[in-house]
Structure formats: C-alpha cells, structure tokens
C-alpha cells in the first residue's frame, strides 16, 4: 500500500519463484535472475495486486510449505518485503497474488 500523498511511479516489484515450482503464467512480468518482476505505478493511498501462476513440481513433498516472498522497491530505494506460506499439493496449479504493503 502506498501510504504517501503522491503516486509512486516505476516501482519494481519482484517475486522470487519458490523452489520446486515452475512458472506457468507471469501475467506481464519478466523473469530476472530467478525472480518474476513487474514495473508498476501505485496511486496515492492505493495498492496493486499482481498475480502469477506456478505449477508445483511432481517431486515436491506433499506436506511441504512454500514461502512466497515479494519485494517492492520504489526509485531511490526503501524496499518493502512481504511473504506468505502456502501448503502445496504436487501437480496442482494455484494462482496467488504477490502482495507487498508498506
């Protein structure tokens, strides 16, 4: 969430893809060194939801939890990080928002 009084432009939002997961759809993001990244504008007081779809590899352990970590960095620095733990079922496809607030 942009808690400031002005829009934040050219915010780089990157989501490190979890191990044992294969990218299915990045919804406009670009792969950079194992991370899926978007450049976005966030309106004053607003937030953005970015979605990605991964397929859990068949050899992943069914009880394993994956940690999804996203980082948003505005021009000039001040990165904000958020994470979510997700229980996985091998062979399924799930879409999760990559949310960062700060």
Protein backbone atom coordinates (compact mmCIF):
# COMPACT_ATOMS: atom_id res chain seq x y z
CA UNK A 1 0.00 0.00 0.00
CA UNK A 2 1.23 3.49 -0.85
CA UNK A 3 0.66 5.44 2.34
CA UNK A 4 2.06 8.65 0.84
CA UNK A 5 0.23 11.58 -0.70
CA UNK A 6 1.65 11.07 -4.22
CA UNK A 7 1.62 8.30 -6.77
CA UNK A 8 4.73 6.12 -6.80
CA UNK A 9 5.91 5.51 -10.36
CA UNK A 10 8.38 2.91 -11.64
CA UNK A 11 8.12 0.73 -8.55
CA UNK A 12 9.96 -2.54 -9.17
CA UNK A 13 8.03 -5.47 -7.69
CA UNK A 14 9.82 -8.82 -7.75
CA UNK A 15 8.68 -12.23 -6.59
CA UNK A 16 11.35 -14.90 -6.12
CA UNK A 17 9.91 -18.09 -7.55
CA UNK A 18 9.77 -20.85 -4.94
CA UNK A 19 11.96 -23.91 -5.35
CA UNK A 20 10.05 -26.92 -6.61
CA UNK A 21 7.74 -24.68 -8.65
CA UNK A 22 7.64 -23.92 -12.38
CA UNK A 23 6.27 -20.65 -13.75
CA UNK A 24 3.10 -21.16 -15.82
CA UNK A 25 1.96 -17.54 -16.29
CA UNK A 26 3.67 -14.34 -15.19
CA UNK A 27 0.82 -12.02 -16.22
CA UNK A 28 3.11 -9.45 -17.84
CA UNK A 29 6.07 -9.87 -15.50
CA UNK A 30 9.59 -10.56 -16.77
CA UNK A 31 12.00 -13.15 -15.44
CA UNK A 32 15.19 -11.71 -13.93
CA UNK A 33 17.68 -14.00 -12.19
CA UNK A 34 15.04 -16.41 -10.86
CA UNK A 35 12.63 -13.62 -9.94
CA UNK A 36 9.47 -12.54 -11.71
CA UNK A 37 9.42 -8.72 -11.84
CA UNK A 38 6.93 -6.02 -12.80
CA UNK A 39 7.37 -2.23 -13.01
CA UNK A 40 4.20 -0.55 -11.75
CA UNK A 41 2.65 2.72 -10.61
CA UNK A 42 0.82 2.79 -7.27
CA UNK A 43 -1.65 5.65 -6.73
CA UNK A 44 -1.53 7.67 -3.52
CA UNK A 45 -3.30 5.65 -0.84
CA UNK A 46 -3.63 2.74 -3.25
CA UNK A 47 -2.23 -0.73 -3.70
CA UNK A 48 -1.62 -3.13 -6.57
CA UNK A 49 -2.33 -6.82 -6.86
CA UNK A 50 -0.06 -8.81 -9.15
CA UNK A 51 -0.76 -12.44 -9.93
CA UNK A 52 1.44 -15.26 -11.04
CA UNK A 53 0.67 -18.90 -11.66
CA UNK A 54 3.11 -21.69 -10.85
CA UNK A 55 2.90 -25.43 -11.10
CA UNK A 56 4.22 -27.35 -8.13
CA UNK A 57 6.74 -29.91 -9.33
CA UNK A 58 5.58 -33.51 -9.04
CA UNK A 59 8.56 -34.45 -6.87
CA UNK A 60 7.70 -31.79 -4.24
CA UNK A 61 6.82 -33.20 -0.82
CA UNK A 62 3.01 -33.00 -0.26
CA UNK A 63 3.34 -31.66 3.29
CA UNK A 64 5.98 -29.09 2.41
CA UNK A 65 5.10 -25.45 2.77
CA UNK A 66 6.48 -23.00 0.27
CA UNK A 67 7.27 -19.42 1.23
CA UNK A 68 6.36 -16.85 -1.39
CA UNK A 69 8.37 -13.63 -0.97
CA UNK A 70 7.72 -10.40 -2.88
CA UNK A 71 9.71 -7.16 -2.67
CA UNK A 72 8.64 -3.70 -3.86
CA UNK A 73 11.35 -1.10 -4.45
CA UNK A 74 10.46 2.46 -5.44
CA UNK A 75 13.00 4.65 -7.25
CA UNK A 76 15.51 5.87 -4.69
CA UNK A 77 15.27 2.74 -2.52
CA UNK A 78 13.28 1.88 0.57
CA UNK A 79 12.35 -1.68 -0.37
CA UNK A 80 9.37 -3.29 1.36
CA UNK A 81 9.05 -7.05 1.66
CA UNK A 82 6.10 -9.35 2.28
CA UNK A 83 5.72 -13.12 2.41
CA UNK A 84 3.08 -15.81 2.57
CA UNK A 85 3.46 -19.50 3.44
CA UNK A 86 1.48 -21.84 1.22
CA UNK A 87 0.83 -25.56 1.68
CA UNK A 88 1.36 -27.37 -1.60
CA UNK A 89 -0.18 -30.34 -3.34
CA UNK A 90 2.20 -31.71 -6.01
CA UNK A 91 0.89 -31.50 -9.57
CA UNK A 92 -1.72 -28.81 -8.86
CA UNK A 93 -1.84 -25.30 -10.28
CA UNK A 94 -2.52 -22.38 -7.95
CA UNK A 95 -2.68 -18.63 -8.51
CA UNK A 96 -1.51 -16.42 -5.67
CA UNK A 97 -1.32 -12.64 -5.51
CA UNK A 98 2.13 -11.22 -4.87
CA UNK A 99 1.31 -8.53 -2.33
CA UNK A 100 3.61 -6.09 -0.62
CA UNK A 101 2.42 -3.38 1.74
CA UNK A 102 4.43 -0.66 3.35
